[in-house]
Amino acid sequence: MAAAGSISVVLVRWPVVIAPESRHEDRYREVARLRDLGVSVRYTWAPLAASNGETR
């Protein structure tokens, strides 16, 4: 959907939804890929929503 331009925002509660904690390095790659496609990743869990960004 992101590649087709059908979405512009992905809402998730926790980063583990994007990639499990055991593969956390994949999370950064996938978030970057979404951003490259013009899609924002937004978190709904209050502590992450405050920054609403994935940081390393």
Protein backbone atom coordinates (compact mmCIF):
# COMPACT_ATOMS: atom_id res chain seq x y z
CA MET A 1 0.00 0.00 0.00
CA ALA A 2 2.84 2.38 0.79
CA ALA A 3 4.59 1.66 -2.50
CA ALA A 4 1.35 2.26 -4.38
CA GLY A 5 0.86 5.61 -2.65
CA SER A 6 -2.39 4.43 -1.05
CA ILE A 7 -1.39 5.50 2.47
CA SER A 8 0.43 8.46 3.93
CA VAL A 9 0.51 7.55 7.64
CA VAL A 10 1.01 4.33 9.60
CA LEU A 11 -0.33 4.33 13.17
CA VAL A 12 1.09 1.79 15.60
CA ARG A 13 1.02 1.56 19.37
CA TRP A 14 4.57 0.28 19.83
CA PRO A 15 7.62 -0.10 17.58
CA VAL A 16 7.47 -3.88 18.13
CA VAL A 17 4.54 -3.90 15.69
CA ILE A 18 6.96 -2.92 12.93
CA ALA A 19 9.56 -5.53 13.92
CA PRO A 20 9.86 -7.73 17.00
CA GLU A 21 12.27 -6.67 19.72
CA SER A 22 14.50 -9.60 18.82
CA ARG A 23 14.94 -8.02 15.36
CA HIS A 24 14.87 -4.37 16.37
CA GLU A 25 17.43 -3.46 13.68
CA ASP A 26 14.76 -4.31 11.07
CA ARG A 27 12.52 -1.67 12.60
CA TYR A 28 14.84 1.16 11.57
CA ARG A 29 15.15 -0.19 8.04
CA GLU A 30 11.37 -0.53 7.65
CA VAL A 31 10.64 2.91 9.12
CA ALA A 32 13.24 4.41 6.76
CA ARG A 33 11.70 2.55 3.84
CA LEU A 34 8.26 3.91 4.69
CA ARG A 35 9.64 7.43 5.01
CA ASP A 36 11.37 7.08 1.63
CA LEU A 37 7.94 6.28 0.21
CA GLY A 38 6.50 9.41 1.81
CA VAL A 39 4.74 7.61 4.66
CA SER A 40 4.91 8.88 8.25
CA VAL A 41 5.10 6.42 11.12
CA ARG A 42 3.18 7.68 14.16
CA TYR A 43 2.93 6.06 17.57
CA THR A 44 -0.23 6.06 19.66
CA TRP A 45 1.37 5.04 23.00
CA ALA A 46 1.73 8.27 25.00
CA PRO A 47 5.51 8.15 25.72
CA LEU A 48 6.31 7.55 22.06
CA ALA A 49 3.55 9.80 20.75
CA ALA A 50 5.16 12.72 22.57
CA SER A 51 8.17 12.48 20.29
CA ASN A 52 6.38 10.68 17.43
CA GLY A 53 9.63 9.67 15.89
CA GLU A 54 11.74 6.59 15.75
CA THR A 55 15.20 7.38 17.05
CA ARG A 56 18.24 5.17 17.25
